[in-house]
Amino acid sequence: SLLQDIGLFPRKNDPVKAYSKGMKQRLILCMALVSDPEVLFLDEPTSGLDVQSARLIKDLFRSLNARGKTIFLTTHDMDEANQLCDRVAIINKGRIVAIDAPEKLRMATSGRHSVEVSFNDTVDPERLARLPGVNTVQKVGDKYRLYTQNPGNLVVELVHHSCTVGLKIVSLNVLAPSLEDAFVALTEKEAEHA
């Protein structure tokens, strides 16, 4: 039953006013599915939910999709779009600026590869920005994310730099562009042409 699919069956006799926000959101989704629609339009269905509720809903979406259902999902959560969607439309100021598979959108974002690195001591981001091949530097927690078009060369530069200034690299990861990177690049490009 739908109530079992969304984890509400054990609470089926409880008054709805006693439900948590996540339970109410799952119940609304259940109500939308009662007529077994071929197409669903959902606006931020996991927004503000706890991890378990969001996971239940995402699993349900995957199950529905596997059964041939089409789901139009609006979300500001790029990770969610990346995990759940076969195709993503990026909308800026009411206009679709790109539509494609998440992987293709990410790969079309040239220059947004990044290297994330942390050191055993603090580093001046301006110094990292002067390394050859670095487009921009962003401090993320205790790490530095350096955007580049050539991550392989940048890794070599970082190792050389750390040896030169006496730092130890604690962690180093090469990151492919994210869907968020694609969104930013595409909406910035759209703004430049406006």
N, C-alpha and C. Protein backbone atom coordinates (compact mmCIF):
# COMPACT_ATOMS: atom_id res chain seq x y z
N SER A 1 0.84 -1.19 0.00
CA SER A 1 0.00 0.00 0.00
C SER A 1 0.88 1.24 0.00
N LEU A 2 0.30 2.36 -0.41
CA LEU A 2 1.04 3.62 -0.43
C LEU A 2 1.52 4.02 0.96
N LEU A 3 0.68 3.80 1.97
CA LEU A 3 1.08 4.16 3.33
C LEU A 3 2.31 3.37 3.76
N GLN A 4 2.42 2.12 3.33
CA GLN A 4 3.62 1.34 3.66
C GLN A 4 4.82 1.87 2.89
N ASP A 5 4.61 2.20 1.60
CA ASP A 5 5.70 2.72 0.77
C ASP A 5 6.33 3.98 1.36
N ILE A 6 5.53 4.81 2.00
CA ILE A 6 6.07 6.07 2.54
C ILE A 6 6.27 6.03 4.05
N GLY A 7 6.15 4.85 4.64
CA GLY A 7 6.47 4.68 6.05
C GLY A 7 5.45 5.20 7.03
N LEU A 8 4.19 5.35 6.61
CA LEU A 8 3.15 5.88 7.51
C LEU A 8 2.18 4.81 7.99
N PHE A 9 2.31 3.60 7.50
CA PHE A 9 1.35 2.56 7.87
C PHE A 9 1.24 2.36 9.38
N PRO A 10 2.35 2.31 10.13
CA PRO A 10 2.23 2.12 11.58
C PRO A 10 1.48 3.25 12.29
N ARG A 11 1.39 4.41 11.65
CA ARG A 11 0.72 5.57 12.27
C ARG A 11 -0.60 5.91 11.57
N LYS A 12 -1.15 4.96 10.82
CA LYS A 12 -2.33 5.23 9.99
C LYS A 12 -3.55 5.67 10.79
N ASN A 13 -3.64 5.29 12.05
CA ASN A 13 -4.81 5.66 12.86
C ASN A 13 -4.59 6.91 13.70
N ASP A 14 -3.39 7.46 13.66
CA ASP A 14 -3.09 8.68 14.43
C ASP A 14 -3.73 9.89 13.75
N PRO A 15 -4.16 10.88 14.52
CA PRO A 15 -4.68 12.10 13.89
C PRO A 15 -3.54 12.82 13.16
N VAL A 16 -3.85 13.37 11.99
CA VAL A 16 -2.85 14.03 11.17
C VAL A 16 -2.19 15.19 11.92
N LYS A 17 -2.95 15.86 12.78
CA LYS A 17 -2.37 17.00 13.52
C LYS A 17 -1.22 16.56 14.43
N ALA A 18 -1.12 15.25 14.72
CA ALA A 18 -0.02 14.73 15.54
C ALA A 18 1.20 14.37 14.70
N TYR A 19 1.07 14.45 13.37
CA TYR A 19 2.18 14.11 12.48
C TYR A 19 3.24 15.22 12.49
N SER A 20 4.49 14.81 12.27
CA SER A 20 5.58 15.77 12.09
C SER A 20 5.47 16.38 10.69
N LYS A 21 6.28 17.40 10.43
CA LYS A 21 6.27 18.03 9.10
C LYS A 21 6.59 17.00 8.03
N GLY A 22 7.59 16.17 8.27
CA GLY A 22 7.97 15.15 7.30
C GLY A 22 6.85 14.16 7.04
N MET A 23 6.15 13.78 8.10
CA MET A 23 5.04 12.85 7.93
C MET A 23 3.91 13.49 7.13
N LYS A 24 3.64 14.76 7.41
CA LYS A 24 2.59 15.46 6.66
C LYS A 24 2.97 15.57 5.18
N GLN A 25 4.23 15.86 4.92
CA GLN A 25 4.67 15.98 3.54
C GLN A 25 4.56 14.63 2.83
N ARG A 26 4.90 13.55 3.53
CA ARG A 26 4.76 12.21 2.94
C ARG A 26 3.28 11.89 2.69
N LEU A 27 2.40 12.32 3.61
CA LEU A 27 0.97 12.08 3.44
C LEU A 27 0.43 12.83 2.22
N ILE A 28 0.86 14.06 2.02
CA ILE A 28 0.45 14.85 0.86
C ILE A 28 0.89 14.14 -0.43
N LEU A 29 2.12 13.63 -0.42
CA LEU A 29 2.62 12.89 -1.57
C LEU A 29 1.77 11.65 -1.81
N CYS A 30 1.41 10.97 -0.75
CA CYS A 30 0.56 9.78 -0.83
C CYS A 30 -0.79 10.14 -1.46
N MET A 31 -1.34 11.26 -1.05
CA MET A 31 -2.63 11.71 -1.60
C MET A 31 -2.50 11.99 -3.10
N ALA A 32 -1.38 12.54 -3.52
CA ALA A 32 -1.16 12.82 -4.94
C ALA A 32 -1.04 11.53 -5.75
N LEU A 33 -0.61 10.45 -5.09
CA LEU A 33 -0.39 9.18 -5.79
C LEU A 33 -1.60 8.25 -5.80
N VAL A 34 -2.64 8.59 -5.05
CA VAL A 34 -3.81 7.71 -4.93
C VAL A 34 -4.40 7.37 -6.30
N SER A 35 -4.45 8.34 -7.21
CA SER A 35 -5.05 8.09 -8.52
C SER A 35 -4.06 7.46 -9.51
N ASP A 36 -2.86 7.10 -9.05
CA ASP A 36 -1.84 6.47 -9.88
C ASP A 36 -1.54 7.27 -11.15
N PRO A 37 -1.17 8.55 -11.01
CA PRO A 37 -0.94 9.39 -12.18
C PRO A 37 0.31 8.97 -12.96
N GLU A 38 0.29 9.23 -14.25
CA GLU A 38 1.45 8.94 -15.10
C GLU A 38 2.51 10.04 -14.96
N VAL A 39 2.05 11.26 -14.62
CA VAL A 39 2.94 12.42 -14.50
C VAL A 39 2.67 13.10 -13.16
N LEU A 40 3.75 13.42 -12.46
CA LEU A 40 3.66 14.14 -11.18
C LEU A 40 4.43 15.45 -11.28
N PHE A 41 3.88 16.51 -10.75
CA PHE A 41 4.57 17.80 -10.63
C PHE A 41 4.77 18.05 -9.15
N LEU A 42 6.04 18.14 -8.72
CA LEU A 42 6.33 18.28 -7.30
C LEU A 42 7.25 19.48 -7.08
N ASP A 43 6.87 20.32 -6.13
CA ASP A 43 7.62 21.53 -5.82
C ASP A 43 8.34 21.35 -4.48
N GLU A 44 9.68 21.23 -4.54
CA GLU A 44 10.51 21.12 -3.34
C GLU A 44 9.98 20.05 -2.37
N PRO A 45 9.76 18.82 -2.82
CA PRO A 45 9.12 17.82 -1.96
C PRO A 45 9.95 17.37 -0.75
N THR A 46 11.25 17.61 -0.76
CA THR A 46 12.07 17.20 0.39
C THR A 46 12.57 18.38 1.21
N SER A 47 12.14 19.58 0.85
CA SER A 47 12.60 20.78 1.55
C SER A 47 12.21 20.74 3.03
N GLY A 48 13.19 20.94 3.88
CA GLY A 48 12.94 21.02 5.32
C GLY A 48 12.70 19.70 6.00
N LEU A 49 12.93 18.60 5.30
CA LEU A 49 12.68 17.29 5.89
C LEU A 49 13.92 16.74 6.59
N ASP A 50 13.69 15.87 7.56
CA ASP A 50 14.81 15.18 8.18
C ASP A 50 15.37 14.17 7.18
N VAL A 51 16.54 13.66 7.46
CA VAL A 51 17.25 12.78 6.53
C VAL A 51 16.43 11.54 6.20
N GLN A 52 15.82 10.91 7.21
CA GLN A 52 15.06 9.68 6.95
C GLN A 52 13.85 9.94 6.06
N SER A 53 13.11 11.01 6.33
CA SER A 53 11.94 11.33 5.50
C SER A 53 12.35 11.63 4.07
N ALA A 54 13.40 12.42 3.91
CA ALA A 54 13.89 12.75 2.57
C ALA A 54 14.32 11.49 1.83
N ARG A 55 14.99 10.59 2.52
CA ARG A 55 15.45 9.35 1.89
C ARG A 55 14.27 8.49 1.46
N LEU A 56 13.25 8.39 2.30
CA LEU A 56 12.05 7.62 1.94
C LEU A 56 11.40 8.18 0.68
N ILE A 57 11.29 9.50 0.61
CA ILE A 57 10.67 10.13 -0.55
C ILE A 57 11.52 9.93 -1.80
N LYS A 58 12.83 10.07 -1.68
CA LYS A 58 13.71 9.85 -2.84
C LYS A 58 13.63 8.41 -3.32
N ASP A 59 13.60 7.47 -2.40
CA ASP A 59 13.46 6.06 -2.78
C ASP A 59 12.13 5.82 -3.50
N LEU A 60 11.08 6.47 -3.02
CA LEU A 60 9.77 6.35 -3.67
C LEU A 60 9.84 6.92 -5.09
N PHE A 61 10.50 8.05 -5.28
CA PHE A 61 10.63 8.63 -6.62
C PHE A 61 11.35 7.66 -7.55
N ARG A 62 12.41 7.04 -7.07
CA ARG A 62 13.15 6.08 -7.90
C ARG A 62 12.25 4.91 -8.29
N SER A 63 11.47 4.44 -7.34
CA SER A 63 10.55 3.33 -7.59
C SER A 63 9.49 3.73 -8.62
N LEU A 64 8.91 4.91 -8.45
CA LEU A 64 7.91 5.39 -9.40
C LEU A 64 8.50 5.53 -10.80
N ASN A 65 9.70 6.08 -10.86
CA ASN A 65 10.36 6.27 -12.15
C ASN A 65 10.65 4.91 -12.81
N ALA A 66 11.06 3.94 -12.02
CA ALA A 66 11.32 2.60 -12.55
C ALA A 66 10.05 1.97 -13.11
N ARG A 67 8.89 2.39 -12.58
CA ARG A 67 7.60 1.89 -13.07
C ARG A 67 7.07 2.73 -14.23
N GLY A 68 7.90 3.64 -14.76
CA GLY A 68 7.52 4.40 -15.94
C GLY A 68 6.83 5.72 -15.67
N LYS A 69 6.77 6.15 -14.43
CA LYS A 69 6.15 7.43 -14.09
C LYS A 69 7.11 8.57 -14.40
N THR A 70 6.56 9.69 -14.86
CA THR A 70 7.34 10.89 -15.13
C THR A 70 7.15 11.85 -13.96
N ILE A 71 8.27 12.36 -13.44
CA ILE A 71 8.20 13.28 -12.30
C ILE A 71 8.92 14.57 -12.68
N PHE A 72 8.17 15.68 -12.63
CA PHE A 72 8.76 17.00 -12.78
C PHE A 72 9.01 17.51 -11.37
N LEU A 73 10.27 17.75 -11.06
CA LEU A 73 10.69 18.11 -9.71
C LEU A 73 11.33 19.48 -9.74
N THR A 74 10.81 20.41 -8.95
CA THR A 74 11.51 21.69 -8.81
C THR A 74 12.27 21.63 -7.50
N THR A 75 13.53 22.05 -7.55
CA THR A 75 14.37 22.01 -6.36
C THR A 75 15.49 23.02 -6.48
N HIS A 76 15.92 23.52 -5.34
CA HIS A 76 17.12 24.35 -5.27
C HIS A 76 18.32 23.50 -4.84
N ASP A 77 18.07 22.25 -4.53
CA ASP A 77 19.11 21.34 -4.05
C ASP A 77 19.75 20.63 -5.24
N MET A 78 20.91 21.11 -5.66
CA MET A 78 21.57 20.57 -6.84
C MET A 78 21.97 19.10 -6.67
N ASP A 79 22.35 18.71 -5.45
CA ASP A 79 22.69 17.30 -5.22
C ASP A 79 21.47 16.41 -5.43
N GLU A 80 20.32 16.88 -4.96
CA GLU A 80 19.08 16.13 -5.14
C GLU A 80 18.76 15.99 -6.63
N ALA A 81 18.87 17.07 -7.38
CA ALA A 81 18.62 17.02 -8.82
C ALA A 81 19.59 16.05 -9.49
N ASN A 82 20.83 16.10 -9.10
CA ASN A 82 21.84 15.23 -9.67
C ASN A 82 21.53 13.76 -9.38
N GLN A 83 21.09 13.46 -8.16
CA GLN A 83 20.80 12.07 -7.77
C GLN A 83 19.54 11.52 -8.42
N LEU A 84 18.52 12.35 -8.58
CA LEU A 84 17.20 11.85 -8.95
C LEU A 84 16.82 12.04 -10.41
N CYS A 85 17.42 12.97 -11.10
CA CYS A 85 16.90 13.37 -12.41
C CYS A 85 17.70 12.80 -13.57
N ASP A 86 16.96 12.38 -14.60
CA ASP A 86 17.58 11.95 -15.85
C ASP A 86 17.93 13.16 -16.71
N ARG A 87 17.11 14.19 -16.59
CA ARG A 87 17.33 15.45 -17.31
C ARG A 87 17.06 16.59 -16.35
N VAL A 88 17.86 17.65 -16.50
CA VAL A 88 17.74 18.81 -15.64
C VAL A 88 17.60 20.05 -16.52
N ALA A 89 16.64 20.89 -16.16
CA ALA A 89 16.50 22.19 -16.82
C ALA A 89 17.00 23.23 -15.84
N ILE A 90 17.92 24.05 -16.29
CA ILE A 90 18.41 25.15 -15.46
C ILE A 90 17.65 26.40 -15.88
N ILE A 91 16.97 27.00 -14.91
CA ILE A 91 16.11 28.14 -15.17
C ILE A 91 16.70 29.37 -14.49
N ASN A 92 16.80 30.45 -15.25
CA ASN A 92 17.29 31.71 -14.72
C ASN A 92 16.32 32.82 -15.11
N LYS A 93 15.77 33.48 -14.12
CA LYS A 93 14.81 34.58 -14.34
C LYS A 93 13.65 34.14 -15.23
N GLY A 94 13.15 32.93 -14.98
CA GLY A 94 11.98 32.44 -15.69
C GLY A 94 12.24 31.85 -17.05
N ARG A 95 13.50 31.79 -17.48
CA ARG A 95 13.85 31.24 -18.79
C ARG A 95 14.73 30.02 -18.63
N ILE A 96 14.46 29.01 -19.44
CA ILE A 96 15.32 27.83 -19.45
C ILE A 96 16.59 28.19 -20.21
N VAL A 97 17.74 28.11 -19.52
CA VAL A 97 19.02 28.45 -20.16
C VAL A 97 19.76 27.21 -20.62
N ALA A 98 19.39 26.05 -20.08
CA ALA A 98 20.01 24.78 -20.50
C ALA A 98 19.12 23.63 -20.04
N ILE A 99 19.11 22.58 -20.83
CA ILE A 99 18.40 21.36 -20.45
C ILE A 99 19.16 20.18 -21.01
N ASP A 100 19.53 19.25 -20.11
CA ASP A 100 20.29 18.08 -20.54
C ASP A 100 20.43 17.13 -19.37
N ALA A 101 21.11 16.04 -19.59
CA ALA A 101 21.43 15.10 -18.50
C ALA A 101 22.38 15.80 -17.54
N PRO A 102 22.26 15.53 -16.24
CA PRO A 102 23.15 16.20 -15.27
C PRO A 102 24.63 16.05 -15.62
N GLU A 103 25.04 14.87 -16.05
CA GLU A 103 26.44 14.62 -16.39
C GLU A 103 26.89 15.52 -17.54
N LYS A 104 26.05 15.67 -18.54
CA LYS A 104 26.41 16.52 -19.69
C LYS A 104 26.46 17.99 -19.29
N LEU A 105 25.56 18.42 -18.43
CA LEU A 105 25.61 19.81 -17.96
C LEU A 105 26.90 20.07 -17.18
N ARG A 106 27.28 19.10 -16.33
CA ARG A 106 28.51 19.28 -15.54
C ARG A 106 29.74 19.33 -16.44
N MET A 107 29.80 18.45 -17.43
CA MET A 107 30.98 18.38 -18.29
C MET A 107 31.08 19.56 -19.26
N ALA A 108 29.96 20.22 -19.52
CA ALA A 108 29.97 21.38 -20.40
C ALA A 108 30.50 22.62 -19.69
N THR A 109 30.79 22.49 -18.42
CA THR A 109 31.25 23.61 -17.61
C THR A 109 32.78 23.65 -17.64
N SER A 110 33.32 24.21 -18.69
CA SER A 110 34.78 24.26 -18.83
C SER A 110 35.39 25.19 -17.79
N GLY A 111 36.55 24.83 -17.33
CA GLY A 111 37.26 25.68 -16.38
C GLY A 111 36.77 25.57 -14.95
N ARG A 112 35.82 24.67 -14.69
CA ARG A 112 35.28 24.56 -13.34
C ARG A 112 35.77 23.30 -12.64
N HIS A 113 36.77 22.63 -13.20
CA HIS A 113 37.38 21.55 -12.45
C HIS A 113 38.04 22.20 -11.23
N SER A 114 38.15 21.44 -10.17
CA SER A 114 38.79 22.03 -9.00
C SER A 114 39.63 21.00 -8.28
N VAL A 115 40.54 21.52 -7.52
CA VAL A 115 41.37 20.70 -6.64
C VAL A 115 41.11 21.21 -5.24
N GLU A 116 40.73 20.30 -4.37
CA GLU A 116 40.46 20.66 -2.98
C GLU A 116 41.64 20.16 -2.15
N VAL A 117 42.22 21.06 -1.38
CA VAL A 117 43.43 20.72 -0.64
C VAL A 117 43.37 21.31 0.77
N SER A 118 43.94 20.58 1.71
CA SER A 118 44.11 21.13 3.06
C SER A 118 45.56 20.90 3.46
N PHE A 119 46.05 21.82 4.29
CA PHE A 119 47.44 21.78 4.73
C PHE A 119 47.49 21.65 6.24
N ASN A 120 48.66 21.38 6.77
CA ASN A 120 48.84 21.26 8.22
C ASN A 120 48.88 22.62 8.91
N ASP A 121 48.79 23.70 8.15
CA ASP A 121 48.83 25.05 8.71
C ASP A 121 47.99 25.96 7.80
N THR A 122 47.66 27.14 8.29
CA THR A 122 46.89 28.07 7.47
C THR A 122 47.74 28.60 6.32
N VAL A 123 47.07 28.91 5.23
CA VAL A 123 47.74 29.39 4.03
C VAL A 123 46.99 30.63 3.54
N ASP A 124 47.73 31.58 3.03
CA ASP A 124 47.11 32.77 2.46
C ASP A 124 46.49 32.40 1.11
N PRO A 125 45.17 32.53 0.99
CA PRO A 125 44.52 32.18 -0.28
C PRO A 125 45.07 32.97 -1.48
N GLU A 126 45.52 34.19 -1.23
CA GLU A 126 46.10 35.00 -2.31
C GLU A 126 47.35 34.34 -2.88
N ARG A 127 48.09 33.70 -2.00
CA ARG A 127 49.30 33.00 -2.45
C ARG A 127 48.95 31.82 -3.34
N LEU A 128 47.89 31.11 -2.95
CA LEU A 128 47.43 29.97 -3.76
C LEU A 128 46.88 30.46 -5.09
N ALA A 129 46.23 31.61 -5.09
CA ALA A 129 45.65 32.17 -6.32
C ALA A 129 46.71 32.52 -7.35
N ARG A 130 47.94 32.74 -6.89
CA ARG A 130 49.03 33.09 -7.80
C ARG A 130 49.71 31.87 -8.42
N LEU A 131 49.33 30.68 -7.99
CA LEU A 131 49.93 29.47 -8.59
C LEU A 131 49.51 29.38 -10.06
N PRO A 132 50.40 28.89 -10.93
CA PRO A 132 50.05 28.77 -12.35
C PRO A 132 48.82 27.88 -12.55
N GLY A 133 47.89 28.38 -13.37
CA GLY A 133 46.71 27.59 -13.72
C GLY A 133 45.51 27.79 -12.82
N VAL A 134 45.65 28.57 -11.75
CA VAL A 134 44.53 28.76 -10.82
C VAL A 134 43.65 29.91 -11.34
N ASN A 135 42.36 29.61 -11.50
CA ASN A 135 41.40 30.65 -11.91
C ASN A 135 40.90 31.42 -10.70
N THR A 136 40.42 30.68 -9.68
CA THR A 136 39.94 31.30 -8.45
C THR A 136 40.20 30.35 -7.28
N VAL A 137 40.18 30.91 -6.08
CA VAL A 137 40.36 30.13 -4.85
C VAL A 137 39.18 30.41 -3.94
N GLN A 138 38.69 29.36 -3.33
CA GLN A 138 37.57 29.48 -2.40
C GLN A 138 37.94 28.71 -1.14
N LYS A 139 37.80 29.33 0.02
CA LYS A 139 38.06 28.64 1.28
C LYS A 139 36.76 27.97 1.72
N VAL A 140 36.82 26.66 1.95
CA VAL A 140 35.66 25.87 2.34
C VAL A 140 36.02 25.12 3.62
N GLY A 141 35.61 25.67 4.77
CA GLY A 141 35.99 25.05 6.04
C GLY A 141 37.49 25.15 6.23
N ASP A 142 38.14 24.00 6.45
CA ASP A 142 39.60 24.00 6.62
C ASP A 142 40.32 23.67 5.31
N LYS A 143 39.57 23.66 4.22
CA LYS A 143 40.15 23.32 2.92
C LYS A 143 40.12 24.52 1.99
N TYR A 144 40.90 24.42 0.95
CA TYR A 144 40.93 25.43 -0.10
C TYR A 144 40.52 24.73 -1.40
N ARG A 145 39.57 25.32 -2.11
CA ARG A 145 39.16 24.79 -3.40
C ARG A 145 39.71 25.72 -4.47
N LEU A 146 40.56 25.16 -5.32
CA LEU A 146 41.20 25.92 -6.38
C LEU A 146 40.60 25.50 -7.71
N TYR A 147 39.99 26.44 -8.42
CA TYR A 147 39.37 26.15 -9.71
C TYR A 147 40.40 26.32 -10.81
N THR A 148 40.36 25.38 -11.76
CA THR A 148 41.38 25.33 -12.80
C THR A 148 40.85 24.62 -14.03
N GLN A 149 41.53 24.82 -15.16
CA GLN A 149 41.19 24.07 -16.37
C GLN A 149 42.07 22.83 -16.48
N ASN A 150 43.13 22.77 -15.70
CA ASN A 150 44.04 21.64 -15.78
C ASN A 150 44.38 21.13 -14.38
N PRO A 151 43.54 20.28 -13.80
CA PRO A 151 43.77 19.83 -12.43
C PRO A 151 45.06 19.02 -12.26
N GLY A 152 45.46 18.28 -13.28
CA GLY A 152 46.70 17.49 -13.17
C GLY A 152 47.91 18.36 -12.94
N ASN A 153 48.03 19.41 -13.74
CA ASN A 153 49.17 20.33 -13.57
C ASN A 153 49.10 21.05 -12.23
N LEU A 154 47.88 21.39 -11.79
CA LEU A 154 47.74 22.10 -10.52
C LEU A 154 48.19 21.23 -9.35
N VAL A 155 47.91 19.95 -9.39
CA VAL A 155 48.35 19.04 -8.32
C VAL A 155 49.87 19.09 -8.21
N VAL A 156 50.56 19.05 -9.35
CA VAL A 156 52.02 19.12 -9.36
C VAL A 156 52.48 20.45 -8.74
N GLU A 157 51.83 21.54 -9.12
CA GLU A 157 52.17 22.87 -8.58
C GLU A 157 51.95 22.92 -7.06
N LEU A 158 50.87 22.32 -6.59
CA LEU A 158 50.57 22.33 -5.14
C LEU A 158 51.61 21.54 -4.36
N VAL A 159 52.02 20.40 -4.89
CA VAL A 159 53.04 19.60 -4.21
C VAL A 159 54.35 20.38 -4.17
N HIS A 160 54.72 20.97 -5.30
CA HIS A 160 55.94 21.77 -5.36
C HIS A 160 55.86 22.95 -4.38
N HIS A 161 54.74 23.65 -4.39
CA HIS A 161 54.55 24.81 -3.51
C HIS A 161 54.66 24.41 -2.04
N SER A 162 54.00 23.32 -1.67
CA SER A 162 54.03 22.91 -0.25
C SER A 162 55.44 22.53 0.18
N CYS A 163 56.19 21.89 -0.68
CA CYS A 163 57.58 21.54 -0.34
C CYS A 163 58.43 22.80 -0.21
N THR A 164 58.20 23.76 -1.10
CA THR A 164 58.98 25.00 -1.10
C THR A 164 58.77 25.82 0.16
N VAL A 165 57.53 25.90 0.63
CA VAL A 165 57.23 26.74 1.80
C VAL A 165 57.16 25.95 3.10
N GLY A 166 57.44 24.65 3.06
CA GLY A 166 57.50 23.83 4.28
C GLY A 166 56.14 23.42 4.83
N LEU A 167 55.15 23.29 3.98
CA LEU A 167 53.83 22.82 4.41
C LEU A 167 53.67 21.34 4.09
N LYS A 168 52.79 20.69 4.85
CA LYS A 168 52.43 19.31 4.52
C LYS A 168 51.00 19.30 4.02
N ILE A 169 50.78 18.58 2.94
CA ILE A 169 49.43 18.41 2.42
C ILE A 169 48.74 17.34 3.25
N VAL A 170 47.62 17.69 3.88
CA VAL A 170 46.85 16.75 4.70
C VAL A 170 45.88 15.96 3.84
N SER A 171 45.21 16.65 2.91
CA SER A 171 44.31 15.97 1.98
C SER A 171 44.34 16.70 0.65
N LEU A 172 44.09 15.95 -0.42
CA LEU A 172 44.08 16.53 -1.75
C LEU A 172 43.12 15.71 -2.60
N ASN A 173 42.14 16.37 -3.19
CA ASN A 173 41.16 15.69 -4.04
C ASN A 173 40.94 16.49 -5.30
N VAL A 174 40.91 15.79 -6.43
CA VAL A 174 40.55 16.42 -7.70
C VAL A 174 39.06 16.21 -7.87
N LEU A 175 38.33 17.32 -8.07
CA LEU A 175 36.87 17.27 -8.17
C LEU A 175 36.41 17.65 -9.57
N ALA A 176 35.54 16.83 -10.11
CA ALA A 176 34.91 17.18 -11.38
C ALA A 176 33.90 18.29 -11.11
N PRO A 177 33.51 19.02 -12.14
CA PRO A 177 32.51 20.07 -11.94
C PRO A 177 31.22 19.47 -11.38
N SER A 178 30.58 20.21 -10.49
CA SER A 178 29.31 19.77 -9.91
C SER A 178 28.17 20.40 -10.69
N LEU A 179 26.97 19.92 -10.43
CA LEU A 179 25.80 20.53 -11.05
C LEU A 179 25.64 21.97 -10.58
N GLU A 180 26.04 22.23 -9.34
CA GLU A 180 26.01 23.61 -8.84
C GLU A 180 26.97 24.48 -9.64
N ASP A 181 28.17 23.96 -9.95
CA ASP A 181 29.12 24.70 -10.78
C ASP A 181 28.51 25.01 -12.15
N ALA A 182 27.81 24.01 -12.73
CA ALA A 182 27.16 24.21 -14.03
C ALA A 182 26.09 25.28 -13.93
N PHE A 183 25.30 25.22 -12.87
CA PHE A 183 24.25 26.23 -12.67
C PHE A 183 24.84 27.63 -12.61
N VAL A 184 25.88 27.80 -11.79
CA VAL A 184 26.50 29.12 -11.64
C VAL A 184 27.08 29.59 -12.97
N ALA A 185 27.80 28.72 -13.65
CA ALA A 185 28.42 29.11 -14.92
C ALA A 185 27.37 29.49 -15.96
N LEU A 186 26.32 28.70 -16.06
CA LEU A 186 25.28 28.95 -17.07
C LEU A 186 24.46 30.21 -16.76
N THR A 187 24.17 30.43 -15.49
CA THR A 187 23.39 31.62 -15.15
C THR A 187 24.25 32.88 -15.22
N GLU A 188 25.54 32.76 -14.92
CA GLU A 188 26.45 33.91 -15.09
C GLU A 188 26.58 34.27 -16.57
N LYS A 189 26.71 33.24 -17.41
CA LYS A 189 26.83 33.46 -18.85
C LYS A 189 25.56 34.13 -19.38
N GLU A 190 24.41 33.69 -18.89
CA GLU A 190 23.12 34.27 -19.29
C GLU A 190 23.06 35.74 -18.86
N ALA A 191 23.55 36.04 -17.66
CA ALA A 191 23.53 37.43 -17.15
C ALA A 191 24.43 38.34 -17.99
N GLU A 192 25.56 37.79 -18.48
CA GLU A 192 26.47 38.58 -19.30
C GLU A 192 25.83 38.96 -20.63
N HIS A 193 24.97 38.06 -21.15
CA HIS A 193 24.34 38.31 -22.44
C HIS A 193 23.07 39.14 -22.33
N ALA A 194 22.65 39.42 -21.08
CA ALA A 194 21.39 40.17 -20.88
C ALA A 194 21.58 41.65 -21.08
